[in-house]
Amino acid sequence: MKIPLKEGTLLKAGTAVVGIVNVTPDSFFPSSRVSEVEEATRAALQMFDQGAAVVDIGGESTRPGSRELSPTDEISRVIPVVEMIRHERRSALLSVDTRHPETAEAAFVAGASILNDITGLCSERMLDLVSQNEAPIVIMHMRGIPEDMQNNPEYEDVVREIMAFLESRAVKAIEHGISKERIILDPGIGFGKSYRDNIEILANIRRFKELGFPIMIGHSRKSFIGKILDLPVEERLEGTLAITAYCAMNGVEFVRVHDVKENIRVIETVEAIKS
């Protein structure tokens, strides 16, 4: 399925929701974890029914401190889910969240439409795969790797440095034959950022839009919300919804979240006010 961002249904007026399905035993939000193919498929289909534009399937936890999963193990978790969802709903827009080219290649064959790459498309092989498959790509910023990314991350100017990285990776992608219309940029909330860095990114979200690409924000239930509210992950829905509303007010094109129904309702309310 080849769907440019500016055609079809992926990029629409307002803010679209990307639902999260974690086929993992160790993602940071326990309620998002699923272990069986049928369970993951039901979760994804429910998200589509609730209004998600895309469902993002991940087989490797990239929470702070997590260790890298082998592509073989990741493929065994993710690909059967992609295949079953595609069988149940041929029109579904499926994204696969992976840093491994082997997984990305298998996912495209299985029917995934979009690649979500936390490493910012730094692999030449990943660049080739995205270009060859004419796939939309989410280019995310991360400092370090999940295992060490939260070990005292430091920036001189966090917004400027992330913008420079994202712009450089987008330029590289375009030079590699990936059309501008297929690129989404994600500043990587929580990936090698301090509490203050995350707040600074959100406070300056309109600066990221100046890069000229759709923006995705993945803030759902993350630890900086826990620090704001002094609450565990299970009780961070309201904080997540507040940031979703803020993103919608500021024209962010995509939010990546665990709780689709609630976030859709917030966005619909905000869009009614904006219009």
Protein backbone atom coordinates (compact mmCIF):
# COMPACT_ATOMS: atom_id res chain seq x y z
CA MET A 1 0.00 0.00 0.00
CA LYS A 2 1.69 3.19 -1.20
CA ILE A 3 0.07 6.26 0.29
CA PRO A 4 1.75 9.67 0.09
CA LEU A 5 1.08 11.83 3.10
CA LYS A 6 -0.73 14.45 1.07
CA GLU A 7 -3.03 12.05 -0.74
CA GLY A 8 -5.61 9.60 0.50
CA THR A 9 -6.48 9.76 4.18
CA LEU A 10 -3.19 9.87 6.09
CA LEU A 11 -2.68 13.63 6.24
CA LYS A 12 -5.92 15.47 6.84
CA ALA A 13 -7.00 18.76 8.31
CA GLY A 14 -6.41 18.83 12.04
CA THR A 15 -4.48 16.40 14.23
CA ALA A 16 -4.53 12.68 13.47
CA VAL A 17 -4.13 9.95 16.08
CA VAL A 18 -1.60 7.15 15.79
CA GLY A 19 -2.48 4.27 18.11
CA ILE A 20 0.20 2.22 19.87
CA VAL A 21 0.20 -1.58 20.02
CA ASN A 22 3.18 -3.05 21.86
CA VAL A 23 3.75 -6.75 21.18
CA THR A 24 6.21 -6.83 24.06
CA PRO A 25 6.49 -8.11 27.63
CA ASP A 26 8.32 -5.03 28.92
CA SER A 27 7.04 -1.74 27.46
CA PHE A 28 6.89 1.02 30.07
CA PHE A 29 3.07 1.13 30.22
CA PRO A 30 1.93 -2.36 31.30
CA SER A 31 -1.61 -1.94 29.99
CA SER A 32 -0.27 -1.42 26.46
CA ARG A 33 1.47 -4.80 26.35
CA VAL A 34 -0.01 -7.66 24.35
CA SER A 35 1.56 -11.06 23.82
CA GLU A 36 -0.74 -12.96 21.47
CA VAL A 37 -1.34 -12.26 17.79
CA GLU A 38 -5.11 -12.36 18.20
CA GLU A 39 -5.00 -9.98 21.17
CA ALA A 40 -2.81 -7.51 19.31
CA THR A 41 -5.06 -7.68 16.27
CA ARG A 42 -8.17 -7.01 18.36
CA ALA A 43 -6.45 -4.05 20.01
CA ALA A 44 -5.45 -2.58 16.65
CA LEU A 45 -8.87 -3.04 15.06
CA GLN A 46 -10.50 -1.41 18.08
CA MET A 47 -8.19 1.58 17.68
CA PHE A 48 -9.16 1.92 14.03
CA ASP A 49 -12.83 1.70 15.00
CA GLN A 50 -12.27 4.46 17.56
CA GLY A 51 -10.84 6.76 14.90
CA ALA A 52 -7.09 6.12 14.71
CA ALA A 53 -5.64 7.11 11.34
CA VAL A 54 -2.69 4.76 11.82
CA VAL A 55 -1.79 1.98 14.23
CA ASP A 56 1.90 1.65 15.08
CA ILE A 57 3.04 -1.91 15.86
CA GLY A 58 6.17 -2.37 17.96
CA GLY A 59 7.93 -5.54 19.01
CA GLU A 60 10.87 -4.08 20.93
CA SER A 61 10.60 -1.97 24.05
CA THR A 62 12.70 1.19 23.73
CA ARG A 63 11.95 2.49 27.22
CA PRO A 64 14.93 4.06 29.03
CA GLY A 65 17.37 1.36 30.08
CA SER A 66 16.02 -1.32 27.75
CA ARG A 67 18.40 -3.60 25.88
CA GLU A 68 18.30 -4.17 22.15
CA LEU A 69 16.19 -7.05 20.87
CA SER A 70 17.47 -9.17 18.01
CA PRO A 71 15.77 -8.63 14.64
CA THR A 72 14.85 -12.32 14.60
CA ASP A 73 12.92 -12.03 17.86
CA GLU A 74 11.37 -8.73 16.83
CA ILE A 75 10.20 -10.18 13.51
CA SER A 76 8.64 -13.17 15.28
CA ARG A 77 6.56 -10.79 17.40
CA VAL A 78 5.59 -8.16 14.85
CA ILE A 79 5.09 -9.80 11.47
CA PRO A 80 2.28 -12.22 12.39
CA VAL A 81 0.37 -9.25 13.84
CA VAL A 82 0.84 -7.15 10.71
CA GLU A 83 -0.29 -10.06 8.56
CA MET A 84 -3.42 -10.75 10.61
CA ILE A 85 -4.46 -7.10 10.77
CA ARG A 86 -3.93 -6.78 7.03
CA HIS A 87 -6.04 -9.92 6.50
CA GLU A 88 -8.84 -8.56 8.70
CA ARG A 89 -8.78 -5.01 7.34
CA ARG A 90 -7.12 -4.52 3.98
CA SER A 91 -7.45 -0.73 4.07
CA ALA A 92 -5.74 -0.32 7.47
CA LEU A 93 -2.75 2.00 7.61
CA LEU A 94 -0.12 0.12 9.61
CA SER A 95 3.13 1.55 10.85
CA VAL A 96 5.97 -0.56 12.24
CA ASP A 97 8.14 0.91 14.99
CA THR A 98 11.63 -0.53 14.49
CA ARG A 99 15.28 0.40 14.26
CA HIS A 100 16.20 -2.82 12.45
CA PRO A 101 16.28 -2.92 8.63
CA GLU A 102 15.55 -6.65 8.71
CA THR A 103 12.30 -6.04 10.56
CA ALA A 104 11.38 -3.11 8.32
CA GLU A 105 11.91 -5.20 5.20
CA ALA A 106 9.78 -8.06 6.54
CA ALA A 107 7.10 -5.59 7.62
CA PHE A 108 6.80 -4.04 4.17
CA VAL A 109 6.43 -7.50 2.66
CA ALA A 110 3.75 -8.34 5.24
CA GLY A 111 1.72 -5.24 4.43
CA ALA A 112 2.97 -2.38 6.60
CA SER A 113 2.59 1.04 5.00
CA ILE A 114 4.77 3.28 7.17
CA LEU A 115 8.12 3.02 8.96
CA ASN A 116 8.65 4.66 12.35
CA ASP A 117 12.42 4.78 12.92
CA ILE A 118 13.61 5.94 16.35
CA THR A 119 17.19 6.16 15.08
CA GLY A 120 16.33 8.95 12.66
CA LEU A 121 16.93 7.02 9.44
CA CYS A 122 20.67 6.88 10.07
CA SER A 123 21.08 3.46 8.44
CA GLU A 124 21.88 3.41 4.71
CA ARG A 125 19.99 0.13 4.38
CA MET A 126 16.94 1.66 6.03
CA LEU A 127 17.15 4.61 3.63
CA ASP A 128 17.21 2.18 0.71
CA LEU A 129 14.21 0.20 2.03
CA VAL A 130 12.06 3.28 2.52
CA SER A 131 12.99 4.67 -0.88
CA GLN A 132 12.36 1.37 -2.68
CA ASN A 133 8.99 0.84 -1.01
CA GLU A 134 7.88 4.47 -1.51
CA ALA A 135 6.83 4.41 2.13
CA PRO A 136 6.05 7.30 4.44
CA ILE A 137 8.76 7.58 7.11
CA VAL A 138 8.74 8.96 10.65
CA ILE A 139 12.22 10.33 11.36
CA MET A 140 12.73 10.64 15.12
CA HIS A 141 15.48 12.25 17.16
CA MET A 142 17.16 10.22 19.88
CA ARG A 143 20.40 10.95 21.72
CA GLY A 144 22.26 7.73 22.43
CA ILE A 145 20.46 4.39 22.49
CA PRO A 146 17.60 3.30 24.76
CA GLU A 147 20.01 1.52 27.10
CA ASP A 148 21.91 4.73 27.95
CA MET A 149 19.88 7.63 26.52
CA GLN A 150 18.75 8.94 29.92
CA ASN A 151 22.23 9.00 31.46
CA ASN A 152 22.43 12.76 31.98
CA PRO A 153 21.55 13.99 28.47
CA GLU A 154 22.84 17.53 27.91
CA TYR A 155 22.22 20.13 25.21
CA GLU A 156 23.37 23.70 24.75
CA ASP A 157 20.11 24.54 22.97
CA VAL A 158 17.83 21.51 22.85
CA VAL A 159 15.35 22.90 20.32
CA ARG A 160 17.98 24.21 17.93
CA GLU A 161 20.04 21.01 18.09
CA ILE A 162 17.06 18.70 17.50
CA MET A 163 15.79 20.88 14.65
CA ALA A 164 19.23 20.77 13.02
CA PHE A 165 19.36 16.97 13.31
CA LEU A 166 15.87 16.46 11.92
CA GLU A 167 16.46 18.85 9.05
CA SER A 168 19.73 17.14 8.14
CA ARG A 169 18.12 13.69 8.16
CA ALA A 170 15.20 14.92 6.07
CA VAL A 171 17.61 16.39 3.52
CA LYS A 172 19.52 13.08 3.45
CA ALA A 173 16.27 11.18 2.89
CA ILE A 174 15.27 13.45 0.01
CA GLU A 175 18.73 13.06 -1.56
CA HIS A 176 18.20 9.31 -1.29
CA GLY A 177 15.03 9.46 -3.37
CA ILE A 178 12.43 9.73 -0.59
CA SER A 179 9.98 12.46 -1.56
CA LYS A 180 9.40 15.32 0.85
CA GLU A 181 5.69 14.48 0.90
CA ARG A 182 6.45 11.17 2.64
CA ILE A 183 8.46 12.54 5.57
CA ILE A 184 7.19 13.09 9.12
CA LEU A 185 9.48 14.50 11.83
CA ASP A 186 9.36 13.55 15.50
CA PRO A 187 11.49 15.44 18.06
CA GLY A 188 11.54 12.33 20.26
CA ILE A 189 9.96 13.26 23.56
CA GLY A 190 11.65 11.21 26.29
CA PHE A 191 14.40 9.80 24.08
CA GLY A 192 17.62 11.21 25.49
CA LYS A 193 15.95 14.26 27.01
CA SER A 194 15.62 15.56 30.54
CA TYR A 195 12.34 16.69 32.07
CA ARG A 196 13.21 20.29 31.21
CA ASP A 197 14.18 19.35 27.66
CA ASN A 198 10.78 17.75 27.05
CA ILE A 199 8.99 20.83 28.34
CA GLU A 200 11.18 23.08 26.19
CA ILE A 201 10.40 21.03 23.07
CA LEU A 202 6.67 21.29 23.65
CA ALA A 203 6.82 24.98 24.51
CA ASN A 204 8.53 25.58 21.16
CA ILE A 205 6.52 23.17 19.03
CA ARG A 206 5.71 25.81 16.44
CA ARG A 207 9.42 26.20 15.72
CA PHE A 208 9.56 22.57 14.60
CA LYS A 209 6.72 23.25 12.18
CA GLU A 210 8.96 25.85 10.52
CA LEU A 211 10.98 22.96 9.07
CA GLY A 212 8.15 22.42 6.61
CA PHE A 213 7.25 18.82 7.42
CA PRO A 214 4.38 17.24 9.36
CA ILE A 215 5.24 16.79 13.03
CA MET A 216 4.50 13.80 15.24
CA ILE A 217 4.57 14.01 19.05
CA GLY A 218 4.81 10.83 21.12
CA HIS A 219 4.11 11.97 24.66
CA SER A 220 1.60 9.41 25.86
CA ARG A 221 1.89 8.62 29.60
CA LYS A 222 5.64 9.35 29.64
CA SER A 223 7.70 10.01 32.75
CA PHE A 224 7.84 13.80 32.36
CA ILE A 225 4.04 13.82 32.75
CA GLY A 226 4.53 11.71 35.87
CA LYS A 227 6.94 14.32 37.17
CA ILE A 228 4.53 17.18 36.46
CA LEU A 229 1.66 15.43 38.25
CA ASP A 230 3.60 13.19 40.65
CA LEU A 231 1.68 10.19 39.35
CA PRO A 232 2.54 6.67 38.14
CA VAL A 233 2.12 5.64 34.51
CA GLU A 234 -1.34 4.18 35.12
CA GLU A 235 -2.64 7.62 36.20
CA ARG A 236 -1.18 9.84 33.49
CA LEU A 237 -4.12 9.85 31.06
CA GLU A 238 -5.30 13.35 31.97
CA GLY A 239 -1.80 14.77 31.57
CA THR A 240 -1.52 13.05 28.22
CA LEU A 241 -4.84 14.52 27.10
CA ALA A 242 -3.77 18.01 28.14
CA ILE A 243 -0.69 17.77 25.93
CA THR A 244 -2.75 16.34 23.09
CA ALA A 245 -5.07 19.35 23.33
CA TYR A 246 -2.03 21.64 23.31
CA CYS A 247 -0.65 19.89 20.22
CA ALA A 248 -3.99 20.16 18.44
CA MET A 249 -4.21 23.88 19.25
CA ASN A 250 -0.72 24.35 17.80
CA GLY A 251 -1.35 22.46 14.57
CA VAL A 252 0.69 19.32 15.25
CA GLU A 253 -0.29 16.83 12.55
CA PHE A 254 0.08 13.55 14.49
CA VAL A 255 0.00 12.43 18.11
CA ARG A 256 1.09 8.89 18.98
CA VAL A 257 -0.89 7.62 21.96
CA HIS A 258 -2.03 4.56 23.89
CA ASP A 259 -5.61 5.70 24.57
CA VAL A 260 -7.17 6.38 21.18
CA LYS A 261 -10.80 7.00 22.08
CA GLU A 262 -10.05 9.61 24.74
CA ASN A 263 -7.49 11.44 22.62
CA ILE A 264 -9.84 11.50 19.61
CA ARG A 265 -12.53 13.13 21.74
CA VAL A 266 -10.13 15.81 22.96
CA ILE A 267 -8.96 16.56 19.42
CA GLU A 268 -12.51 16.74 18.06
CA THR A 269 -13.41 19.24 20.79
CA VAL A 270 -10.34 21.38 20.10
CA GLU A 271 -10.94 21.30 16.35
CA ALA A 272 -14.55 22.43 16.86
CA ILE A 273 -13.31 25.44 18.79
CA LYS A 274 -10.60 26.21 16.22
CA SER A 275 -13.05 26.06 13.33
